PDB file of N, CA and C in Angstrom:
ATOM      1  N   MET A   1       1.334  -1.029  -0.158  1.00  0.00           N
ATOM      2  CA  MET A   1       0.165   0.302   0.556  1.00  0.00           C
ATOM      3  C   MET A   1       0.775   1.550  -0.151  1.00  0.00           C
ATOM      4  N   VAL A   2       0.318   2.535  -0.654  1.00  0.00           N
ATOM      5  CA  VAL A   2       1.419   3.648  -1.601  1.00  0.00           C
ATOM      6  C   VAL A   2       1.146   4.509   0.625  1.00  0.00           C
ATOM      7  N   ASN A   3       2.047   4.927   0.873  1.00  0.00           N
ATOM      8  CA  ASN A   3       1.926   5.573   1.830  1.00  0.00           C
ATOM      9  C   ASN A   3       2.082   6.823   1.442  1.00  0.00           C
ATOM     10  N   SER A   4       0.288   8.378   1.313  1.00  0.00           N
ATOM     11  CA  SER A   4       0.008   9.199   0.876  1.00  0.00           C
ATOM     12  C   SER A   4       1.077  10.458   1.000  1.00  0.00           C
ATOM     13  N   ALA A   5       1.496  10.601   2.250  1.00  0.00           N
ATOM     14  CA  ALA A   5       1.985  11.800   2.494  1.00  0.00           C
ATOM     15  C   ALA A   5       4.175  10.727   2.235  1.00  0.00           C
ATOM     16  N   ASP A   6       4.202  10.210   1.954  1.00  0.00           N
ATOM     17  CA  ASP A   6       5.436  10.039   1.650  1.00  0.00           C
ATOM     18  C   ASP A   6       5.654   9.642   0.378  1.00  0.00           C
ATOM     19  N   PHE A   7       4.717   9.400  -0.229  1.00  0.00           N
ATOM     20  CA  PHE A   7       4.260   9.374  -1.789  1.00  0.00           C
ATOM     21  C   PHE A   7       4.501  10.966  -2.573  1.00  0.00           C
ATOM     22  N   THR A   8       3.944  11.767  -1.292  1.00  0.00           N
ATOM     23  CA  THR A   8       3.703  13.517  -1.809  1.00  0.00           C
ATOM     24  C   THR A   8       4.908  14.086  -1.824  1.00  0.00           C
ATOM     25  N   LYS A   9       6.148  13.571  -0.173  1.00  0.00           N
ATOM     26  CA  LYS A   9       7.438  13.842  -0.379  1.00  0.00           C
ATOM     27  C   LYS A   9       8.166  13.720  -0.969  1.00  0.00           C
ATOM     28  N   ARG A  10       8.120  12.125  -1.716  1.00  0.00           N
ATOM     29  CA  ARG A  10       8.990  11.068  -3.238  1.00  0.00           C
ATOM     30  C   ARG A  10       9.037  12.753  -3.734  1.00  0.00           C
ATOM     31  N   ILE A  11       7.423  13.071  -4.542  1.00  0.00           N
ATOM     32  CA  ILE A  11       7.324  13.842  -5.921  1.00  0.00           C
ATOM     33  C   ILE A  11       8.619  15.521  -5.812  1.00  0.00           C
ATOM     34  N   HIS A  12       8.044  15.912  -4.635  1.00  0.00           N
ATOM     35  CA  HIS A  12       8.644  17.118  -3.816  1.00  0.00           C
ATOM     36  C   HIS A  12      10.133  17.411  -3.998  1.00  0.00           C
ATOM     37  N   LYS A  13      10.613  16.239  -3.460  1.00  0.00           N
ATOM     38  CA  LYS A  13      12.322  15.571  -3.842  1.00  0.00           C
ATOM     39  C   LYS A  13      12.562  16.094  -4.893  1.00  0.00           C
ATOM     40  N   ILE A  14      11.641  14.997  -5.626  1.00  0.00           N
ATOM     41  CA  ILE A  14      12.044  14.505  -7.087  1.00  0.00           C
ATOM     42  C   ILE A  14      12.172  16.032  -7.568  1.00  0.00           C
ATOM     43  N   MET A  15      11.002  16.655  -7.789  1.00  0.00           N
ATOM     44  CA  MET A  15      10.637  17.908  -8.096  1.00  0.00           C
ATOM     45  C   MET A  15      12.364  19.115  -8.098  1.00  0.00           C
ATOM     46  N   GLU A  16      11.648  19.127  -6.684  1.00  0.00           N
ATOM     47  CA  GLU A  16      13.047  20.056  -5.859  1.00  0.00           C
ATOM     48  C   GLU A  16      14.653  19.905  -6.761  1.00  0.00           C
ATOM     49  N   LYS A  17      15.423  17.945  -6.131  1.00  0.00           N
ATOM     50  CA  LYS A  17      16.134  17.850  -7.132  1.00  0.00           C
ATOM     51  C   LYS A  17      16.248  18.882  -8.754  1.00  0.00           C
ATOM     52  N   ASN A  18      15.060  18.424  -8.972  1.00  0.00           N
ATOM     53  CA  ASN A  18      15.595  18.485 -11.215  1.00  0.00           C
ATOM     54  C   ASN A  18      14.871  20.119 -10.938  1.00  0.00           C
ATOM     55  N   ASP A  19      15.056  21.080 -10.000  1.00  0.00           N
ATOM     56  CA  ASP A  19      14.645  22.091 -10.781  1.00  0.00           C
ATOM     57  C   ASP A  19      13.543  22.063 -11.278  1.00  0.00           C
ATOM     58  N   LEU A  20      11.994  21.407 -10.925  1.00  0.00           N
ATOM     59  CA  LEU A  20      10.750  22.181 -10.999  1.00  0.00           C
ATOM     60  C   LEU A  20       9.737  21.976 -10.433  1.00  0.00           C
ATOM     61  N   ASN A  21       8.998  22.510 -11.611  1.00  0.00           N
ATOM     62  CA  ASN A  21       7.646  23.122 -10.954  1.00  0.00           C
ATOM     63  C   ASN A  21       6.490  21.989 -10.892  1.00  0.00           C
ATOM     64  N   ALA A  22       5.326  22.284 -10.983  1.00  0.00           N
ATOM     65  CA  ALA A  22       4.546  20.516 -10.804  1.00  0.00           C
ATOM     66  C   ALA A  22       3.831  20.835 -12.245  1.00  0.00           C
ATOM     67  N   SER A  23       4.288  21.841 -12.520  1.00  0.00           N
ATOM     68  CA  SER A  23       3.327  21.887 -14.090  1.00  0.00           C
ATOM     69  C   SER A  23       4.664  21.527 -15.547  1.00  0.00           C
ATOM     70  N   SER A  24       6.176  21.883 -14.474  1.00  0.00           N
ATOM     71  CA  SER A  24       7.082  20.754 -15.580  1.00  0.00           C
ATOM     72  C   SER A  24       7.485  19.478 -15.578  1.00  0.00           C
ATOM     73  N   PHE A  25       6.846  18.915 -14.141  1.00  0.00           N
ATOM     74  CA  PHE A  25       7.092  17.902 -13.490  1.00  0.00           C
ATOM     75  C   PHE A  25       6.201  16.856 -13.947  1.00  0.00           C
ATOM     76  N   ALA A  26       4.834  17.722 -14.423  1.00  0.00           N
ATOM     77  CA  ALA A  26       3.688  17.154 -14.878  1.00  0.00           C
ATOM     78  C   ALA A  26       4.363  16.208 -16.001  1.00  0.00           C
ATOM     79  N   GLU A  27       4.787  17.710 -17.334  1.00  0.00           N
ATOM     80  CA  GLU A  27       5.174  17.400 -18.057  1.00  0.00           C
ATOM     81  C   GLU A  27       5.778  16.136 -18.547  1.00  0.00           C
ATOM     82  N   ALA A  28       7.019  16.101 -18.177  1.00  0.00           N
ATOM     83  CA  ALA A  28       7.879  15.617 -17.888  1.00  0.00           C
ATOM     84  C   ALA A  28       7.665  14.203 -17.344  1.00  0.00           C
ATOM     85  N   ILE A  29       6.653  13.696 -17.126  1.00  0.00           N
ATOM     86  CA  ILE A  29       6.161  12.148 -17.091  1.00  0.00           C
ATOM     87  C   ILE A  29       4.519  11.899 -17.625  1.00  0.00           C
ATOM     88  N   HIS A  30       4.549  12.874 -18.200  1.00  0.00           N
ATOM     89  CA  HIS A  30       2.512  13.156 -18.854  1.00  0.00           C
ATOM     90  C   HIS A  30       2.218  12.528 -18.473  1.00  0.00           C
ATOM     91  N   VAL A  31       1.604  13.680 -17.482  1.00  0.00           N
ATOM     92  CA  VAL A  31       0.476  13.475 -16.468  1.00  0.00           C
ATOM     93  C   VAL A  31      -0.291  15.029 -16.154  1.00  0.00           C
ATOM     94  N   GLY A  32      -1.098  14.658 -16.584  1.00  0.00           N
ATOM     95  CA  GLY A  32      -2.177  15.349 -16.510  1.00  0.00           C
ATOM     96  C   GLY A  32      -1.393  17.200 -15.235  1.00  0.00           C
ATOM     97  N   ARG A  33      -1.121  18.362 -15.053  1.00  0.00           N
ATOM     98  CA  ARG A  33      -1.004  19.391 -14.644  1.00  0.00           C
ATOM     99  C   ARG A  33      -2.089  19.095 -13.209  1.00  0.00           C
ATOM    100  N   SER A  34      -3.250  18.876 -13.059  1.00  0.00           N
ATOM    101  CA  SER A  34      -3.616  18.985 -12.436  1.00  0.00           C
ATOM    102  C   SER A  34      -3.581  17.967 -11.468  1.00  0.00           C
ATOM    103  N   SER A  35      -3.564  16.942 -12.245  1.00  0.00           N
ATOM    104  CA  SER A  35      -2.922  15.233 -11.355  1.00  0.00           C
ATOM    105  C   SER A  35      -2.438  15.763 -10.699  1.00  0.00           C
ATOM    106  N   ILE A  36      -1.086  16.108 -11.111  1.00  0.00           N
ATOM    107  CA  ILE A  36      -0.161  16.198  -9.990  1.00  0.00           C
ATOM    108  C   ILE A  36      -0.633  17.173  -8.322  1.00  0.00           C
ATOM    109  N   SER A  37      -1.005  18.615  -9.119  1.00  0.00           N
ATOM    110  CA  SER A  37      -1.311  19.471  -8.423  1.00  0.00           C
ATOM    111  C   SER A  37      -2.398  18.932  -7.255  1.00  0.00           C
ATOM    112  N   HIS A  38      -3.358  17.901  -7.759  1.00  0.00           N
ATOM    113  CA  HIS A  38      -3.773  17.478  -6.755  1.00  0.00           C
ATOM    114  C   HIS A  38      -3.591  16.942  -5.361  1.00  0.00           C
ATOM    115  N   ILE A  39      -1.917  15.811  -6.242  1.00  0.00           N
ATOM    116  CA  ILE A  39      -1.683  14.897  -5.062  1.00  0.00           C
ATOM    117  C   ILE A  39      -0.868  15.857  -4.232  1.00  0.00           C
ATOM    118  N   LEU A  40      -0.330  16.763  -4.890  1.00  0.00           N
ATOM    119  CA  LEU A  40       0.972  17.525  -4.039  1.00  0.00           C
ATOM    120  C   LEU A  40      -0.292  18.248  -2.803  1.00  0.00           C
ATOM    121  N   SER A  41      -1.670  18.347  -3.128  1.00  0.00           N
ATOM    122  CA  SER A  41      -2.174  19.267  -1.937  1.00  0.00           C
ATOM    123  C   SER A  41      -3.041  18.563  -1.029  1.00  0.00           C
ATOM    124  N   GLY A  42      -2.728  17.510  -1.550  1.00  0.00           N
ATOM    125  CA  GLY A  42      -3.390  15.960  -0.764  1.00  0.00           C
ATOM    126  C   GLY A  42      -4.953  16.097  -1.423  1.00  0.00           C
ATOM    127  N   ARG A  43      -5.602  15.999  -2.323  1.00  0.00           N
ATOM    128  CA  ARG A  43      -6.545  16.713  -2.429  1.00  0.00           C
ATOM    129  C   ARG A  43      -6.851  15.105  -2.766  1.00  0.00           C
ATOM    130  N   ASN A  44      -6.298  14.491  -3.653  1.00  0.00           N
ATOM    131  CA  ASN A  44      -6.485  12.498  -3.740  1.00  0.00           C
ATOM    132  C   ASN A  44      -5.550  12.033  -3.185  1.00  0.00           C
ATOM    133  N   ASN A  45      -6.661  11.009  -2.045  1.00  0.00           N
ATOM    134  CA  ASN A  45      -6.073   9.988  -1.550  1.00  0.00           C
ATOM    135  C   ASN A  45      -5.655   8.630  -1.933  1.00  0.00           C
ATOM    136  N   LEU A  46      -4.193   8.590  -2.070  1.00  0.00           N
ATOM    137  CA  LEU A  46      -3.259   7.285  -3.329  1.00  0.00           C
ATOM    138  C   LEU A  46      -3.763   6.387  -2.198  1.00  0.00           C
ATOM    139  N   VAL A  47      -3.766   4.733  -2.510  1.00  0.00           N
ATOM    140  CA  VAL A  47      -4.734   3.862  -1.802  1.00  0.00           C
ATOM    141  C   VAL A  47      -2.980   3.417  -2.756  1.00  0.00           C
TER     142      VAL A  47
END
């Protein structure tokens, strides 16, 4: 099972390490910007 808080922290670390904002990160991994924004804000609960 995925821990949402840990997953979000990992995304933040990847973005910081690669100097990416949410939009750039979403584009780099080929997902919608809103999907990344929802994950980062905690709106989406990951299972």
